[in-house]
């Protein structure tokens, strides 16, 4: 690796999530792949859209690949925040791609490599700098053979990095003590939590993993504001 590439690895980009960049010492190292996991309703999609909106504000093109909700439903839900999502979509700075609809209409199962190739071609065609895939867990439903997942996923992540995009993979939390291949292969893992304590909902974010960066792995309080998710330095309880 050349000196210039080493220095570039010290660069950071903003997550767009208030308070999170500070916990990361300035933001995310770019051109890497990060996993965002959590139970339903924990804020994964909001997190992903905030990330793309932050890029769009800096004229970085973003692509949101959806496998479950339609782009129209996601955009409608995001209107509750001050993201200016419709303006970014109209300008082409953010593009939504309904991969779920395409896979369902094909009426057949796919290999991991076939699905990943479609996503990579889309990213190349759009010239994206930021990518969100939501929800990665659902890809299992479209694959005819899950045995080759780890190898195909490893190749996919290497190709994402070679395209010089920063990627967020959103995934459902299936179990708090069971880690899938995405956990091990991603450059960083964010876990969004919500649980009841004394009959009140508690929300938190945890930086479970971050390669090359010192980080606090303890739970941090989060809240949902008009500007999206906000992360605090203190514990949630």
C-alpha atoms as a PDB file:
ATOM      1  CA  UNK A   1       0.000   0.000   0.000  1.00  0.00           C
ATOM      2  CA  UNK A   2       1.305   3.441  -0.956  1.00  0.00           C
ATOM      3  CA  UNK A   3       1.709   6.270   1.558  1.00  0.00           C
ATOM      4  CA  UNK A   4      -1.141   8.160  -0.114  1.00  0.00           C
ATOM      5  CA  UNK A   5      -3.468   5.206   0.373  1.00  0.00           C
ATOM      6  CA  UNK A   6      -2.442   4.887   4.011  1.00  0.00           C
ATOM      7  CA  UNK A   7      -3.155   8.559   4.606  1.00  0.00           C
ATOM      8  CA  UNK A   8      -6.484   8.249   2.828  1.00  0.00           C
ATOM      9  CA  UNK A   9      -7.437   5.487   5.251  1.00  0.00           C
ATOM     10  CA  UNK A  10      -7.364   8.127   7.993  1.00  0.00           C
ATOM     11  CA  UNK A  11     -10.094  10.167   6.273  1.00  0.00           C
ATOM     12  CA  UNK A  12     -13.569  10.229   7.766  1.00  0.00           C
ATOM     13  CA  UNK A  13     -17.057  10.853   6.428  1.00  0.00           C
ATOM     14  CA  UNK A  14     -20.068  11.896   8.493  1.00  0.00           C
ATOM     15  CA  UNK A  15     -22.746   9.362   9.330  1.00  0.00           C
ATOM     16  CA  UNK A  16     -25.360  12.113   9.365  1.00  0.00           C
ATOM     17  CA  UNK A  17     -26.484  10.869  12.789  1.00  0.00           C
ATOM     18  CA  UNK A  18     -26.081  13.618  15.373  1.00  0.00           C
ATOM     19  CA  UNK A  19     -23.673  12.613  18.132  1.00  0.00           C
ATOM     20  CA  UNK A  20     -22.434   9.427  16.450  1.00  0.00           C
ATOM     21  CA  UNK A  21     -19.500  10.995  14.603  1.00  0.00           C
ATOM     22  CA  UNK A  22     -18.101  12.207  17.932  1.00  0.00           C
ATOM     23  CA  UNK A  23     -18.237   8.678  19.345  1.00  0.00           C
ATOM     24  CA  UNK A  24     -16.312   7.501  16.288  1.00  0.00           C
ATOM     25  CA  UNK A  25     -13.652  10.187  16.617  1.00  0.00           C
ATOM     26  CA  UNK A  26     -14.813  12.136  13.578  1.00  0.00           C
ATOM     27  CA  UNK A  27     -16.978   9.793  11.536  1.00  0.00           C
ATOM     28  CA  UNK A  28     -16.633   6.625   9.469  1.00  0.00           C
ATOM     29  CA  UNK A  29     -13.553   5.600   7.496  1.00  0.00           C
ATOM     30  CA  UNK A  30     -14.854   5.783   3.910  1.00  0.00           C
ATOM     31  CA  UNK A  31     -15.066   3.076   1.264  1.00  0.00           C
ATOM     32  CA  UNK A  32     -15.840   0.322   3.757  1.00  0.00           C
ATOM     33  CA  UNK A  33     -18.832  -1.882   4.563  1.00  0.00           C
ATOM     34  CA  UNK A  34     -20.770  -1.478   7.804  1.00  0.00           C
ATOM     35  CA  UNK A  35     -23.574  -3.557   9.299  1.00  0.00           C
ATOM     36  CA  UNK A  36     -26.536  -1.995  11.118  1.00  0.00           C
ATOM     37  CA  UNK A  37     -28.620  -4.561  13.002  1.00  0.00           C
ATOM     38  CA  UNK A  38     -31.591  -4.363  15.307  1.00  0.00           C
ATOM     39  CA  UNK A  39     -35.101  -5.635  16.001  1.00  0.00           C
ATOM     40  CA  UNK A  40     -38.130  -4.339  14.061  1.00  0.00           C
ATOM     41  CA  UNK A  41     -38.878  -0.688  14.768  1.00  0.00           C
ATOM     42  CA  UNK A  42     -35.431   0.090  16.163  1.00  0.00           C
ATOM     43  CA  UNK A  43     -34.605   2.724  13.525  1.00  0.00           C
ATOM     44  CA  UNK A  44     -32.466   0.871  10.972  1.00  0.00           C
ATOM     45  CA  UNK A  45     -34.153   2.379   7.923  1.00  0.00           C
ATOM     46  CA  UNK A  46     -34.077   5.871   9.438  1.00  0.00           C
ATOM     47  CA  UNK A  47     -30.362   5.414  10.171  1.00  0.00           C
ATOM     48  CA  UNK A  48     -29.748   4.380   6.561  1.00  0.00           C
ATOM     49  CA  UNK A  49     -31.688   7.281   5.058  1.00  0.00           C
ATOM     50  CA  UNK A  50     -29.906   9.765   7.359  1.00  0.00           C
ATOM     51  CA  UNK A  51     -26.610   8.417   6.065  1.00  0.00           C
ATOM     52  CA  UNK A  52     -27.657   8.960   2.433  1.00  0.00           C
ATOM     53  CA  UNK A  53     -29.120  12.406   3.127  1.00  0.00           C
ATOM     54  CA  UNK A  54     -25.846  13.522   4.700  1.00  0.00           C
ATOM     55  CA  UNK A  55     -24.044  12.457   1.550  1.00  0.00           C
ATOM     56  CA  UNK A  56     -26.589  14.153  -0.707  1.00  0.00           C
ATOM     57  CA  UNK A  57     -26.073  17.423   1.158  1.00  0.00           C
ATOM     58  CA  UNK A  58     -22.409  17.171   0.175  1.00  0.00           C
ATOM     59  CA  UNK A  59     -23.313  16.269  -3.419  1.00  0.00           C
ATOM     60  CA  UNK A  60     -22.455  12.587  -2.969  1.00  0.00           C
ATOM     61  CA  UNK A  61     -24.823  10.315  -4.829  1.00  0.00           C
ATOM     62  CA  UNK A  62     -26.566   7.666  -2.749  1.00  0.00           C
ATOM     63  CA  UNK A  63     -28.438   4.476  -3.634  1.00  0.00           C
ATOM     64  CA  UNK A  64     -30.983   2.814  -1.360  1.00  0.00           C
ATOM     65  CA  UNK A  65     -31.603  -0.829  -2.316  1.00  0.00           C
ATOM     66  CA  UNK A  66     -34.832  -2.092  -0.766  1.00  0.00           C
ATOM     67  CA  UNK A  67     -35.939  -5.710  -0.542  1.00  0.00           C
ATOM     68  CA  UNK A  68     -39.138  -5.354   1.480  1.00  0.00           C
ATOM     69  CA  UNK A  69     -40.823  -1.954   1.624  1.00  0.00           C
ATOM     70  CA  UNK A  70     -41.517  -0.120  -1.611  1.00  0.00           C
ATOM     71  CA  UNK A  71     -39.560   3.100  -2.227  1.00  0.00           C
ATOM     72  CA  UNK A  72     -42.830   5.047  -2.016  1.00  0.00           C
ATOM     73  CA  UNK A  73     -43.565   3.754   1.493  1.00  0.00           C
ATOM     74  CA  UNK A  74     -40.037   4.504   2.705  1.00  0.00           C
ATOM     75  CA  UNK A  75     -40.099   8.044   1.320  1.00  0.00           C
ATOM     76  CA  UNK A  76     -43.520   8.676   2.825  1.00  0.00           C
ATOM     77  CA  UNK A  77     -42.311   7.484   6.222  1.00  0.00           C
ATOM     78  CA  UNK A  78     -39.219   9.716   5.985  1.00  0.00           C
ATOM     79  CA  UNK A  79     -41.375  12.825   5.442  1.00  0.00           C
ATOM     80  CA  UNK A  80     -41.807  12.989   9.213  1.00  0.00           C
ATOM     81  CA  UNK A  81     -38.181  14.149   9.439  1.00  0.00           C
ATOM     82  CA  UNK A  82     -36.477  17.310   8.216  1.00  0.00           C
ATOM     83  CA  UNK A  83     -34.473  15.352   5.660  1.00  0.00           C
ATOM     84  CA  UNK A  84     -35.764  17.039   2.525  1.00  0.00           C
ATOM     85  CA  UNK A  85     -35.965  13.528   1.105  1.00  0.00           C
ATOM     86  CA  UNK A  86     -38.217  14.413  -1.852  1.00  0.00           C
ATOM     87  CA  UNK A  87     -35.870  17.178  -2.982  1.00  0.00           C
ATOM     88  CA  UNK A  88     -32.890  14.816  -2.903  1.00  0.00           C
ATOM     89  CA  UNK A  89     -34.781  12.160  -4.854  1.00  0.00           C
ATOM     90  CA  UNK A  90     -36.014  14.642  -7.461  1.00  0.00           C
ATOM     91  CA  UNK A  91     -32.497  15.981  -7.937  1.00  0.00           C
ATOM     92  CA  UNK A  92     -31.148  12.442  -8.407  1.00  0.00           C
ATOM     93  CA  UNK A  93     -28.768  12.707  -5.469  1.00  0.00           C
ATOM     94  CA  UNK A  94     -30.599   9.774  -3.846  1.00  0.00           C
ATOM     95  CA  UNK A  95     -31.935   6.870  -5.915  1.00  0.00           C
ATOM     96  CA  UNK A  96     -34.228   4.156  -4.566  1.00  0.00           C
ATOM     97  CA  UNK A  97     -34.030   0.738  -6.232  1.00  0.00           C
ATOM     98  CA  UNK A  98     -36.760  -1.842  -5.584  1.00  0.00           C
ATOM     99  CA  UNK A  99     -34.703  -5.041  -5.749  1.00  0.00           C
ATOM    100  CA  UNK A 100     -37.391  -7.024  -3.917  1.00  0.00           C
ATOM    101  CA  UNK A 101     -39.903  -6.322  -6.667  1.00  0.00           C
ATOM    102  CA  UNK A 102     -37.425  -7.417  -9.341  1.00  0.00           C
ATOM    103  CA  UNK A 103     -36.574 -10.666  -7.543  1.00  0.00           C
ATOM    104  CA  UNK A 104     -40.226 -11.514  -6.895  1.00  0.00           C
ATOM    105  CA  UNK A 105     -41.247 -10.865 -10.499  1.00  0.00           C
ATOM    106  CA  UNK A 106     -38.565 -13.278 -11.772  1.00  0.00           C
ATOM    107  CA  UNK A 107     -40.482 -16.191 -10.205  1.00  0.00           C
ATOM    108  CA  UNK A 108     -37.329 -18.218  -9.520  1.00  0.00           C
ATOM    109  CA  UNK A 109     -34.601 -18.537  -6.928  1.00  0.00           C
ATOM    110  CA  UNK A 110     -31.159 -17.039  -7.432  1.00  0.00           C
ATOM    111  CA  UNK A 111     -27.586 -17.714  -6.436  1.00  0.00           C
ATOM    112  CA  UNK A 112     -25.811 -15.341  -4.072  1.00  0.00           C
ATOM    113  CA  UNK A 113     -23.459 -14.305  -6.878  1.00  0.00           C
ATOM    114  CA  UNK A 114     -26.374 -13.435  -9.176  1.00  0.00           C
ATOM    115  CA  UNK A 115     -27.994 -11.165  -6.598  1.00  0.00           C
ATOM    116  CA  UNK A 116     -24.734  -9.473  -5.655  1.00  0.00           C
ATOM    117  CA  UNK A 117     -23.890  -8.915  -9.331  1.00  0.00           C
ATOM    118  CA  UNK A 118     -27.189  -7.069  -9.845  1.00  0.00           C
ATOM    119  CA  UNK A 119     -26.442  -4.775  -6.885  1.00  0.00           C
ATOM    120  CA  UNK A 120     -22.869  -4.113  -8.041  1.00  0.00           C
ATOM    121  CA  UNK A 121     -23.992  -3.253 -11.577  1.00  0.00           C
ATOM    122  CA  UNK A 122     -26.578  -0.855 -10.184  1.00  0.00           C
ATOM    123  CA  UNK A 123     -23.950   0.908  -8.080  1.00  0.00           C
ATOM    124  CA  UNK A 124     -21.604   1.212 -11.046  1.00  0.00           C
ATOM    125  CA  UNK A 125     -24.356   2.527 -13.294  1.00  0.00           C
ATOM    126  CA  UNK A 126     -25.446   5.164 -10.801  1.00  0.00           C
ATOM    127  CA  UNK A 127     -21.924   6.190  -9.828  1.00  0.00           C
ATOM    128  CA  UNK A 128     -22.916   6.005  -6.161  1.00  0.00           C
ATOM    129  CA  UNK A 129     -20.626   6.996  -3.297  1.00  0.00           C
ATOM    130  CA  UNK A 130     -22.963   5.845  -0.517  1.00  0.00           C
ATOM    131  CA  UNK A 131     -25.114   2.703  -0.579  1.00  0.00           C
ATOM    132  CA  UNK A 132     -27.730   1.272   1.793  1.00  0.00           C
ATOM    133  CA  UNK A 133     -29.106  -2.276   1.457  1.00  0.00           C
ATOM    134  CA  UNK A 134     -32.341  -2.884   3.411  1.00  0.00           C
ATOM    135  CA  UNK A 135     -32.943  -5.534   4.598  1.00  0.00           C
ATOM    136  CA  UNK A 136     -30.123  -7.967   4.038  1.00  0.00           C
ATOM    137  CA  UNK A 137     -31.871 -10.658   6.092  1.00  0.00           C
ATOM    138  CA  UNK A 138     -34.512 -11.031   3.376  1.00  0.00           C
ATOM    139  CA  UNK A 139     -31.976 -12.048   0.740  1.00  0.00           C
ATOM    140  CA  UNK A 140     -32.026 -15.549   2.208  1.00  0.00           C
ATOM    141  CA  UNK A 141     -35.615 -15.884   0.946  1.00  0.00           C
ATOM    142  CA  UNK A 142     -34.538 -15.450  -2.678  1.00  0.00           C
ATOM    143  CA  UNK A 143     -31.486 -17.731  -2.655  1.00  0.00           C
ATOM    144  CA  UNK A 144     -31.744 -21.347  -3.755  1.00  0.00           C
ATOM    145  CA  UNK A 145     -28.551 -22.480  -2.053  1.00  0.00           C
ATOM    146  CA  UNK A 146     -27.388 -20.801   1.139  1.00  0.00           C
ATOM    147  CA  UNK A 147     -24.238 -22.937   1.498  1.00  0.00           C
ATOM    148  CA  UNK A 148     -22.027 -20.603  -0.537  1.00  0.00           C
ATOM    149  CA  UNK A 149     -23.104 -17.452   1.279  1.00  0.00           C
ATOM    150  CA  UNK A 150     -19.903 -16.672   3.175  1.00  0.00           C
ATOM    151  CA  UNK A 151     -17.638 -16.925   0.140  1.00  0.00           C
ATOM    152  CA  UNK A 152     -20.012 -14.937  -2.077  1.00  0.00           C
ATOM    153  CA  UNK A 153     -20.504 -12.285   0.611  1.00  0.00           C
ATOM    154  CA  UNK A 154     -16.758 -11.930   1.076  1.00  0.00           C
ATOM    155  CA  UNK A 155     -16.292 -11.390  -2.665  1.00  0.00           C
ATOM    156  CA  UNK A 156     -19.195  -8.929  -2.705  1.00  0.00           C
ATOM    157  CA  UNK A 157     -17.723  -6.816   0.098  1.00  0.00           C
ATOM    158  CA  UNK A 158     -14.293  -6.724  -1.575  1.00  0.00           C
ATOM    159  CA  UNK A 159     -15.925  -5.500  -4.777  1.00  0.00           C
ATOM    160  CA  UNK A 160     -17.888  -2.856  -2.901  1.00  0.00           C
ATOM    161  CA  UNK A 161     -14.642  -1.521  -1.442  1.00  0.00           C
ATOM    162  CA  UNK A 162     -12.998  -1.562  -4.882  1.00  0.00           C
ATOM    163  CA  UNK A 163     -15.854   0.602  -6.199  1.00  0.00           C
ATOM    164  CA  UNK A 164     -14.889   3.169  -3.526  1.00  0.00           C
ATOM    165  CA  UNK A 165     -18.363   3.303  -2.017  1.00  0.00           C
ATOM    166  CA  UNK A 166     -19.276   3.391   1.656  1.00  0.00           C
ATOM    167  CA  UNK A 167     -21.992   0.833   2.321  1.00  0.00           C
ATOM    168  CA  UNK A 168     -24.480   0.247   5.111  1.00  0.00           C
ATOM    169  CA  UNK A 169     -26.048  -3.213   5.236  1.00  0.00           C
ATOM    170  CA  UNK A 170     -29.224  -3.194   7.330  1.00  0.00           C
ATOM    171  CA  UNK A 171     -30.242  -6.501   8.866  1.00  0.00           C
ATOM    172  CA  UNK A 172     -32.723  -7.880  11.382  1.00  0.00           C
ATOM    173  CA  UNK A 173     -31.380  -8.995  14.738  1.00  0.00           C
ATOM    174  CA  UNK A 174     -32.297 -12.678  14.848  1.00  0.00           C
ATOM    175  CA  UNK A 175     -30.653 -13.413  18.191  1.00  0.00           C
ATOM    176  CA  UNK A 176     -28.511 -11.450  20.626  1.00  0.00           C
ATOM    177  CA  UNK A 177     -26.048 -14.336  20.933  1.00  0.00           C
ATOM    178  CA  UNK A 178     -25.962 -15.603  17.341  1.00  0.00           C
ATOM    179  CA  UNK A 179     -23.704 -13.907  14.825  1.00  0.00           C
ATOM    180  CA  UNK A 180     -24.133 -14.382  11.087  1.00  0.00           C
ATOM    181  CA  UNK A 181     -21.450 -14.039   8.410  1.00  0.00           C
ATOM    182  CA  UNK A 182     -22.179 -10.317   7.991  1.00  0.00           C
ATOM    183  CA  UNK A 183     -20.952  -9.612  11.530  1.00  0.00           C
ATOM    184  CA  UNK A 184     -17.545 -11.127  10.869  1.00  0.00           C
ATOM    185  CA  UNK A 185     -16.992  -9.787   7.349  1.00  0.00           C
ATOM    186  CA  UNK A 186     -18.163  -6.187   7.875  1.00  0.00           C
ATOM    187  CA  UNK A 187     -15.709  -3.449   8.838  1.00  0.00           C
ATOM    188  CA  UNK A 188     -17.990  -2.245  11.610  1.00  0.00           C
ATOM    189  CA  UNK A 189     -21.210  -3.242  13.352  1.00  0.00           C
ATOM    190  CA  UNK A 190     -23.815  -0.917  14.872  1.00  0.00           C
ATOM    191  CA  UNK A 191     -26.565  -2.478  16.985  1.00  0.00           C
ATOM    192  CA  UNK A 192     -29.809  -0.616  17.610  1.00  0.00           C
ATOM    193  CA  UNK A 193     -31.650  -1.745  20.733  1.00  0.00           C
ATOM    194  CA  UNK A 194     -35.073  -1.159  22.214  1.00  0.00           C
ATOM    195  CA  UNK A 195     -36.445  -2.786  25.352  1.00  0.00           C
ATOM    196  CA  UNK A 196     -38.937  -2.144  28.143  1.00  0.00           C
ATOM    197  CA  UNK A 197     -37.782  -1.050  31.590  1.00  0.00           C
ATOM    198  CA  UNK A 198     -40.273  -0.068  34.276  1.00  0.00           C
ATOM    199  CA  UNK A 199     -42.996  -0.066  31.599  1.00  0.00           C
ATOM    200  CA  UNK A 200     -41.130   2.491  29.484  1.00  0.00           C
ATOM    201  CA  UNK A 201     -39.421   1.969  26.135  1.00  0.00           C
ATOM    202  CA  UNK A 202     -35.649   2.410  26.266  1.00  0.00           C
ATOM    203  CA  UNK A 203     -33.734   2.990  23.024  1.00  0.00           C
ATOM    204  CA  UNK A 204     -29.987   2.655  22.592  1.00  0.00           C
ATOM    205  CA  UNK A 205     -27.152   2.284  20.093  1.00  0.00           C
ATOM    206  CA  UNK A 206     -24.070   0.118  20.519  1.00  0.00           C
ATOM    207  CA  UNK A 207     -20.885   0.222  18.456  1.00  0.00           C
ATOM    208  CA  UNK A 208     -20.226  -3.494  18.627  1.00  0.00           C
ATOM    209  CA  UNK A 209     -17.287  -3.521  16.230  1.00  0.00           C
ATOM    210  CA  UNK A 210     -15.166  -0.961  14.374  1.00  0.00           C
ATOM    211  CA  UNK A 211     -11.972  -2.103  12.687  1.00  0.00           C
ATOM    212  CA  UNK A 212      -9.023   0.209  13.168  1.00  0.00           C
ATOM    213  CA  UNK A 213     -10.831   2.614  15.489  1.00  0.00           C
ATOM    214  CA  UNK A 214     -10.880   2.743  19.279  1.00  0.00           C
ATOM    215  CA  UNK A 215     -14.514   2.827  20.355  1.00  0.00           C
ATOM    216  CA  UNK A 216     -16.782   2.550  23.354  1.00  0.00           C
ATOM    217  CA  UNK A 217     -18.885  -0.607  23.070  1.00  0.00           C
ATOM    218  CA  UNK A 218     -21.281   0.337  25.859  1.00  0.00           C
ATOM    219  CA  UNK A 219     -24.913   1.170  25.171  1.00  0.00           C
ATOM    220  CA  UNK A 220     -25.566   4.831  24.364  1.00  0.00           C
ATOM    221  CA  UNK A 221     -28.910   6.548  24.674  1.00  0.00           C
ATOM    222  CA  UNK A 222     -30.653   7.546  21.440  1.00  0.00           C
ATOM    223  CA  UNK A 223     -33.769   9.526  20.657  1.00  0.00           C
ATOM    224  CA  UNK A 224     -35.835  10.213  17.567  1.00  0.00           C
ATOM    225  CA  UNK A 225     -36.088  13.930  16.800  1.00  0.00           C
ATOM    226  CA  UNK A 226     -37.426  15.978  13.891  1.00  0.00           C
ATOM    227  CA  UNK A 227     -33.913  15.732  12.427  1.00  0.00           C
ATOM    228  CA  UNK A 228     -33.723  11.957  12.800  1.00  0.00           C
ATOM    229  CA  UNK A 229     -31.824   9.762  15.225  1.00  0.00           C
ATOM    230  CA  UNK A 230     -29.695  11.500  17.846  1.00  0.00           C
ATOM    231  CA  UNK A 231     -27.023   9.687  19.890  1.00  0.00           C
ATOM    232  CA  UNK A 232     -25.951  10.764  23.372  1.00  0.00           C
ATOM    233  CA  UNK A 233     -22.769   9.993  25.278  1.00  0.00           C
ATOM    234  CA  UNK A 234     -24.596   8.752  28.352  1.00  0.00           C
ATOM    235  CA  UNK A 235     -26.039   5.317  28.966  1.00  0.00           C
ATOM    236  CA  UNK A 236     -29.757   4.831  28.254  1.00  0.00           C
ATOM    237  CA  UNK A 237     -30.565   3.935  31.877  1.00  0.00           C
END
